[in-house]
Amino acid sequence: MNFPKELKYTKDHEWVKVNGDVATIGITEFAQSELGDIVFVEIETVGENLKAHEIFGTVEAVKTVSDLFLPVSGEIIEKNPELENNPQLVNTDPYDGGWMIKVKMSNTAEINYLMTSEDYAQIAG
C-alpha cells in the first residue's frame, strides 16, 4: 500500500494535504481498496463551515455507502468536479486526481492531531 509521507491521515482513512491554510482531502488507497469500485461521490457541503469529525459527504461503492468525515474544521471551499462524471478516480488515483474537497481551515493546529504515514500504516496494514 502507498501512504505518501507528505500527507497526514485519520483513523477514518481520510488523507490531508496542507498548503498554507487550505487542506485538500480524500480517502486513502487502503480505504478505496476496502470499499471496492466507487460508483458515486456525494458532496453537498461546499460553502458550509463544519467542525472536525463532522460528515462532509458520502462515497458509494457497489456494495456499500460510507460517510466521509472532515479531518479539520473549516469552510469547504471546493469539491473535485471530476468526480461527478468519473468517481473511479478515487480508485485509480486516490492521492491526486481522486481528491474530494478543499477546506479553508479555521484552526491549522488541528493538523497536529492527525497521523503520519508511518502511524497510519500501523492501522491500515
N, C-alpha and C. Protein backbone atom coordinates (compact mmCIF):
# COMPACT_ATOMS: atom_id res chain seq x y z
N MET A 1 0.84 -1.20 0.00
CA MET A 1 0.00 0.00 0.00
C MET A 1 0.88 1.26 0.00
N ASN A 2 0.36 2.28 -0.61
CA ASN A 2 1.07 3.55 -0.73
C ASN A 2 0.46 4.58 0.22
N PHE A 3 1.27 5.10 1.15
CA PHE A 3 0.84 6.15 2.06
C PHE A 3 1.88 7.28 1.99
N PRO A 4 1.69 8.24 1.07
CA PRO A 4 2.70 9.29 0.89
C PRO A 4 3.06 10.00 2.19
N LYS A 5 4.36 10.18 2.40
CA LYS A 5 4.88 10.75 3.65
C LYS A 5 4.49 12.21 3.87
N GLU A 6 4.23 12.95 2.77
CA GLU A 6 3.91 14.38 2.91
C GLU A 6 2.47 14.62 3.35
N LEU A 7 1.67 13.57 3.41
CA LEU A 7 0.27 13.70 3.81
C LEU A 7 0.08 13.36 5.28
N LYS A 8 -1.06 13.79 5.82
CA LYS A 8 -1.49 13.41 7.17
C LYS A 8 -2.72 12.51 7.00
N TYR A 9 -3.02 11.72 8.03
CA TYR A 9 -4.07 10.70 7.91
C TYR A 9 -4.96 10.67 9.15
N THR A 10 -6.19 10.13 8.96
CA THR A 10 -7.11 9.96 10.07
C THR A 10 -7.40 8.48 10.28
N LYS A 11 -7.92 8.16 11.46
CA LYS A 11 -8.32 6.77 11.74
C LYS A 11 -9.50 6.36 10.86
N ASP A 12 -10.21 7.34 10.30
CA ASP A 12 -11.34 7.06 9.40
C ASP A 12 -10.91 6.91 7.95
N HIS A 13 -9.59 6.92 7.70
CA HIS A 13 -8.99 6.64 6.39
C HIS A 13 -9.09 7.79 5.39
N GLU A 14 -9.16 9.03 5.91
CA GLU A 14 -9.01 10.19 5.03
C GLU A 14 -7.55 10.64 5.05
N TRP A 15 -7.12 11.25 3.96
CA TRP A 15 -5.80 11.87 3.92
C TRP A 15 -5.98 13.38 3.78
N VAL A 16 -4.94 14.11 4.23
CA VAL A 16 -4.97 15.57 4.20
C VAL A 16 -3.64 16.08 3.66
N LYS A 17 -3.72 16.97 2.68
CA LYS A 17 -2.54 17.65 2.15
C LYS A 17 -2.70 19.13 2.48
N VAL A 18 -1.74 19.69 3.19
CA VAL A 18 -1.84 21.07 3.65
C VAL A 18 -1.02 22.00 2.76
N ASN A 19 -1.65 23.11 2.38
CA ASN A 19 -0.96 24.16 1.64
C ASN A 19 -1.41 25.49 2.26
N GLY A 20 -0.60 26.01 3.18
CA GLY A 20 -0.99 27.21 3.92
C GLY A 20 -2.15 26.89 4.83
N ASP A 21 -3.28 27.61 4.64
CA ASP A 21 -4.46 27.33 5.47
C ASP A 21 -5.53 26.56 4.70
N VAL A 22 -5.14 25.98 3.55
CA VAL A 22 -6.06 25.17 2.77
C VAL A 22 -5.64 23.71 2.83
N ALA A 23 -6.61 22.85 3.15
CA ALA A 23 -6.37 21.42 3.21
C ALA A 23 -7.14 20.74 2.08
N THR A 24 -6.43 19.92 1.31
CA THR A 24 -7.06 19.07 0.30
C THR A 24 -7.26 17.71 0.94
N ILE A 25 -8.45 17.13 0.75
CA ILE A 25 -8.83 15.91 1.47
C ILE A 25 -9.37 14.87 0.51
N GLY A 26 -9.02 13.62 0.77
CA GLY A 26 -9.54 12.49 0.02
C GLY A 26 -9.52 11.26 0.90
N ILE A 27 -9.77 10.09 0.31
CA ILE A 27 -9.66 8.86 1.07
C ILE A 27 -8.41 8.10 0.62
N THR A 28 -7.88 7.29 1.51
CA THR A 28 -6.62 6.61 1.26
C THR A 28 -6.75 5.44 0.29
N GLU A 29 -5.60 5.00 -0.18
CA GLU A 29 -5.55 3.82 -1.05
C GLU A 29 -6.15 2.62 -0.33
N PHE A 30 -5.86 2.48 0.96
CA PHE A 30 -6.44 1.39 1.75
C PHE A 30 -7.96 1.47 1.76
N ALA A 31 -8.50 2.67 2.02
CA ALA A 31 -9.96 2.84 2.09
C ALA A 31 -10.63 2.47 0.78
N GLN A 32 -10.09 2.97 -0.33
CA GLN A 32 -10.73 2.67 -1.61
C GLN A 32 -10.62 1.19 -1.94
N SER A 33 -9.54 0.53 -1.53
CA SER A 33 -9.41 -0.91 -1.81
C SER A 33 -10.41 -1.71 -0.98
N GLU A 34 -10.68 -1.27 0.25
CA GLU A 34 -11.66 -1.93 1.10
C GLU A 34 -13.08 -1.73 0.57
N LEU A 35 -13.36 -0.54 0.04
CA LEU A 35 -14.70 -0.24 -0.47
C LEU A 35 -14.99 -0.95 -1.79
N GLY A 36 -13.98 -1.09 -2.62
CA GLY A 36 -14.18 -1.67 -3.95
C GLY A 36 -14.47 -0.58 -4.96
N ASP A 37 -15.12 -0.93 -6.04
CA ASP A 37 -15.37 0.01 -7.13
C ASP A 37 -16.28 1.15 -6.68
N ILE A 38 -15.75 2.37 -6.74
CA ILE A 38 -16.51 3.57 -6.36
C ILE A 38 -17.42 3.94 -7.53
N VAL A 39 -18.72 4.10 -7.25
CA VAL A 39 -19.67 4.43 -8.31
C VAL A 39 -20.26 5.83 -8.17
N PHE A 40 -20.12 6.45 -6.98
CA PHE A 40 -20.70 7.78 -6.78
C PHE A 40 -20.06 8.44 -5.56
N VAL A 41 -19.76 9.72 -5.70
CA VAL A 41 -19.28 10.52 -4.57
C VAL A 41 -20.25 11.68 -4.42
N GLU A 42 -20.87 11.81 -3.23
CA GLU A 42 -21.83 12.88 -3.00
C GLU A 42 -21.28 13.86 -1.97
N ILE A 43 -21.12 15.11 -2.41
CA ILE A 43 -20.64 16.17 -1.53
C ILE A 43 -21.53 17.38 -1.77
N GLU A 44 -22.36 17.70 -0.77
CA GLU A 44 -23.31 18.81 -0.87
C GLU A 44 -22.99 19.90 0.15
N THR A 45 -21.75 19.93 0.64
CA THR A 45 -21.41 20.81 1.75
C THR A 45 -20.52 21.99 1.35
N VAL A 46 -20.32 22.23 0.05
CA VAL A 46 -19.50 23.36 -0.38
C VAL A 46 -20.13 24.65 0.12
N GLY A 47 -19.30 25.51 0.71
CA GLY A 47 -19.78 26.77 1.27
C GLY A 47 -20.14 26.68 2.74
N GLU A 48 -20.17 25.47 3.29
CA GLU A 48 -20.53 25.29 4.70
C GLU A 48 -19.29 25.29 5.58
N ASN A 49 -19.46 25.76 6.81
CA ASN A 49 -18.43 25.65 7.84
C ASN A 49 -18.76 24.45 8.70
N LEU A 50 -17.82 23.52 8.76
CA LEU A 50 -18.01 22.30 9.54
C LEU A 50 -16.87 22.15 10.54
N LYS A 51 -17.14 21.40 11.59
CA LYS A 51 -16.11 21.10 12.58
C LYS A 51 -15.45 19.78 12.23
N ALA A 52 -14.24 19.59 12.73
CA ALA A 52 -13.53 18.32 12.54
C ALA A 52 -14.43 17.18 13.02
N HIS A 53 -14.40 16.08 12.29
CA HIS A 53 -15.13 14.84 12.58
C HIS A 53 -16.59 14.88 12.12
N GLU A 54 -17.08 16.01 11.60
CA GLU A 54 -18.43 16.04 11.05
C GLU A 54 -18.42 15.42 9.65
N ILE A 55 -19.57 14.93 9.22
CA ILE A 55 -19.70 14.30 7.91
C ILE A 55 -19.76 15.38 6.83
N PHE A 56 -18.90 15.26 5.82
CA PHE A 56 -18.92 16.24 4.72
C PHE A 56 -19.48 15.64 3.43
N GLY A 57 -19.73 14.35 3.39
CA GLY A 57 -20.27 13.72 2.20
C GLY A 57 -20.31 12.22 2.36
N THR A 58 -20.61 11.54 1.24
CA THR A 58 -20.62 10.08 1.24
C THR A 58 -19.95 9.58 -0.03
N VAL A 59 -19.44 8.37 0.08
CA VAL A 59 -18.88 7.69 -1.08
C VAL A 59 -19.63 6.37 -1.21
N GLU A 60 -20.09 6.10 -2.44
CA GLU A 60 -20.88 4.91 -2.68
C GLU A 60 -20.07 3.95 -3.55
N ALA A 61 -19.95 2.73 -3.05
CA ALA A 61 -19.32 1.66 -3.81
C ALA A 61 -20.41 0.68 -4.24
N VAL A 62 -20.04 -0.33 -4.99
CA VAL A 62 -21.01 -1.30 -5.49
C VAL A 62 -21.80 -1.93 -4.34
N LYS A 63 -21.10 -2.22 -3.22
CA LYS A 63 -21.74 -2.97 -2.14
C LYS A 63 -22.14 -2.14 -0.92
N THR A 64 -21.69 -0.88 -0.81
CA THR A 64 -21.91 -0.13 0.43
C THR A 64 -21.85 1.37 0.19
N VAL A 65 -22.35 2.12 1.17
CA VAL A 65 -22.21 3.58 1.19
C VAL A 65 -21.50 3.94 2.50
N SER A 66 -20.49 4.78 2.42
CA SER A 66 -19.73 5.18 3.61
C SER A 66 -19.74 6.69 3.76
N ASP A 67 -19.85 7.13 5.02
CA ASP A 67 -19.75 8.55 5.31
C ASP A 67 -18.30 9.00 5.19
N LEU A 68 -18.12 10.27 4.84
CA LEU A 68 -16.80 10.90 4.78
C LEU A 68 -16.72 11.92 5.92
N PHE A 69 -15.69 11.80 6.75
CA PHE A 69 -15.54 12.64 7.93
C PHE A 69 -14.47 13.69 7.71
N LEU A 70 -14.79 14.92 8.07
CA LEU A 70 -13.86 16.03 7.91
C LEU A 70 -12.74 15.94 8.94
N PRO A 71 -11.48 15.90 8.50
CA PRO A 71 -10.37 15.78 9.44
C PRO A 71 -10.05 17.06 10.20
N VAL A 72 -10.38 18.23 9.62
CA VAL A 72 -10.07 19.53 10.23
C VAL A 72 -11.27 20.46 10.09
N SER A 73 -11.40 21.38 11.01
CA SER A 73 -12.50 22.34 10.96
C SER A 73 -12.26 23.41 9.91
N GLY A 74 -13.35 23.89 9.30
CA GLY A 74 -13.21 24.98 8.36
C GLY A 74 -14.33 25.03 7.34
N GLU A 75 -14.16 25.92 6.37
CA GLU A 75 -15.16 26.10 5.31
C GLU A 75 -14.78 25.27 4.09
N ILE A 76 -15.72 24.48 3.63
CA ILE A 76 -15.49 23.70 2.42
C ILE A 76 -15.61 24.65 1.23
N ILE A 77 -14.48 24.88 0.55
CA ILE A 77 -14.43 25.89 -0.49
C ILE A 77 -14.50 25.32 -1.90
N GLU A 78 -14.29 24.01 -2.02
CA GLU A 78 -14.29 23.43 -3.37
C GLU A 78 -14.48 21.92 -3.26
N LYS A 79 -15.16 21.36 -4.27
CA LYS A 79 -15.18 19.90 -4.41
C LYS A 79 -14.61 19.56 -5.77
N ASN A 80 -14.10 18.37 -5.90
CA ASN A 80 -13.46 17.94 -7.14
C ASN A 80 -14.53 17.73 -8.22
N PRO A 81 -14.58 18.60 -9.24
CA PRO A 81 -15.63 18.47 -10.26
C PRO A 81 -15.48 17.21 -11.11
N GLU A 82 -14.28 16.66 -11.18
CA GLU A 82 -14.03 15.47 -11.99
C GLU A 82 -14.75 14.24 -11.46
N LEU A 83 -15.03 14.23 -10.15
CA LEU A 83 -15.64 13.03 -9.55
C LEU A 83 -17.09 12.83 -9.94
N GLU A 84 -17.74 13.91 -10.39
CA GLU A 84 -19.14 13.79 -10.78
C GLU A 84 -19.31 12.81 -11.94
N ASN A 85 -18.47 12.93 -12.95
CA ASN A 85 -18.56 12.07 -14.12
C ASN A 85 -17.59 10.90 -14.09
N ASN A 86 -16.61 10.95 -13.17
CA ASN A 86 -15.60 9.91 -13.13
C ASN A 86 -15.24 9.57 -11.67
N PRO A 87 -16.18 9.01 -10.90
CA PRO A 87 -15.90 8.69 -9.50
C PRO A 87 -14.82 7.62 -9.34
N GLN A 88 -14.53 6.88 -10.41
CA GLN A 88 -13.49 5.85 -10.35
C GLN A 88 -12.10 6.43 -10.13
N LEU A 89 -11.94 7.74 -10.29
CA LEU A 89 -10.65 8.37 -9.99
C LEU A 89 -10.24 8.10 -8.54
N VAL A 90 -11.22 7.94 -7.65
CA VAL A 90 -10.90 7.63 -6.25
C VAL A 90 -10.20 6.28 -6.17
N ASN A 91 -10.56 5.34 -7.05
CA ASN A 91 -9.91 4.03 -7.08
C ASN A 91 -8.56 4.08 -7.78
N THR A 92 -8.51 4.75 -8.91
CA THR A 92 -7.31 4.70 -9.74
C THR A 92 -6.23 5.70 -9.34
N ASP A 93 -6.60 6.79 -8.69
CA ASP A 93 -5.64 7.85 -8.35
C ASP A 93 -6.06 8.54 -7.05
N PRO A 94 -6.10 7.79 -5.92
CA PRO A 94 -6.68 8.34 -4.69
C PRO A 94 -5.95 9.57 -4.13
N TYR A 95 -4.66 9.73 -4.42
CA TYR A 95 -3.90 10.82 -3.81
C TYR A 95 -3.70 12.03 -4.73
N ASP A 96 -4.19 11.96 -5.93
CA ASP A 96 -4.00 13.09 -6.84
C ASP A 96 -5.33 13.42 -7.53
N GLY A 97 -5.65 12.76 -8.60
CA GLY A 97 -6.88 13.04 -9.34
C GLY A 97 -8.15 12.71 -8.57
N GLY A 98 -8.05 11.84 -7.55
CA GLY A 98 -9.22 11.43 -6.79
C GLY A 98 -9.47 12.21 -5.51
N TRP A 99 -8.84 13.38 -5.38
CA TRP A 99 -9.12 14.23 -4.20
C TRP A 99 -10.61 14.58 -4.19
N MET A 100 -11.12 14.88 -2.98
CA MET A 100 -12.57 15.12 -2.88
C MET A 100 -12.93 16.57 -2.60
N ILE A 101 -12.32 17.18 -1.59
CA ILE A 101 -12.66 18.57 -1.24
C ILE A 101 -11.43 19.36 -0.86
N LYS A 102 -11.61 20.69 -0.86
CA LYS A 102 -10.62 21.61 -0.30
C LYS A 102 -11.32 22.41 0.80
N VAL A 103 -10.62 22.58 1.90
CA VAL A 103 -11.16 23.25 3.08
C VAL A 103 -10.25 24.39 3.48
N LYS A 104 -10.84 25.57 3.71
CA LYS A 104 -10.08 26.68 4.31
C LYS A 104 -10.17 26.46 5.81
N MET A 105 -9.05 26.03 6.39
CA MET A 105 -9.04 25.63 7.80
C MET A 105 -9.25 26.82 8.73
N SER A 106 -10.06 26.61 9.75
CA SER A 106 -10.27 27.65 10.76
C SER A 106 -9.30 27.49 11.93
N ASN A 107 -8.66 26.33 12.05
CA ASN A 107 -7.70 26.08 13.12
C ASN A 107 -6.61 25.15 12.59
N THR A 108 -5.54 25.73 12.06
CA THR A 108 -4.48 24.93 11.45
C THR A 108 -3.78 24.02 12.46
N ALA A 109 -3.89 24.31 13.75
CA ALA A 109 -3.26 23.46 14.78
C ALA A 109 -3.88 22.06 14.81
N GLU A 110 -5.09 21.90 14.27
CA GLU A 110 -5.72 20.58 14.25
C GLU A 110 -4.91 19.56 13.44
N ILE A 111 -4.08 20.05 12.53
CA ILE A 111 -3.23 19.16 11.74
C ILE A 111 -2.33 18.33 12.66
N ASN A 112 -1.93 18.92 13.79
CA ASN A 112 -1.04 18.23 14.71
C ASN A 112 -1.66 16.98 15.34
N TYR A 113 -2.98 16.85 15.27
CA TYR A 113 -3.67 15.69 15.85
C TYR A 113 -3.84 14.55 14.85
N LEU A 114 -3.42 14.77 13.61
CA LEU A 114 -3.56 13.73 12.59
C LEU A 114 -2.31 12.84 12.58
N MET A 115 -2.45 11.67 11.96
CA MET A 115 -1.37 10.68 11.94
C MET A 115 -0.38 10.92 10.80
N THR A 116 0.86 10.50 11.04
CA THR A 116 1.86 10.46 9.99
C THR A 116 1.61 9.22 9.14
N SER A 117 2.30 9.12 8.01
CA SER A 117 2.15 7.94 7.16
C SER A 117 2.59 6.67 7.89
N GLU A 118 3.61 6.78 8.73
CA GLU A 118 4.08 5.62 9.49
C GLU A 118 3.01 5.17 10.50
N ASP A 119 2.41 6.14 11.20
CA ASP A 119 1.35 5.80 12.17
C ASP A 119 0.16 5.17 11.45
N TYR A 120 -0.24 5.76 10.32
CA TYR A 120 -1.39 5.25 9.59
C TYR A 120 -1.13 3.83 9.08
N ALA A 121 0.08 3.57 8.60
CA ALA A 121 0.42 2.24 8.09
C ALA A 121 0.22 1.17 9.16
N GLN A 122 0.39 1.53 10.42
CA GLN A 122 0.21 0.57 11.52
C GLN A 122 -1.24 0.11 11.62
N ILE A 123 -2.20 1.00 11.33
CA ILE A 123 -3.61 0.62 11.45
C ILE A 123 -4.17 0.11 10.12
N ALA A 124 -3.57 0.50 9.02
CA ALA A 124 -4.09 0.11 7.71
C ALA A 124 -3.44 -1.15 7.16
N GLY A 125 -2.36 -1.58 7.82
CA GLY A 125 -1.70 -2.79 7.33
C GLY A 125 -0.71 -2.44 6.29
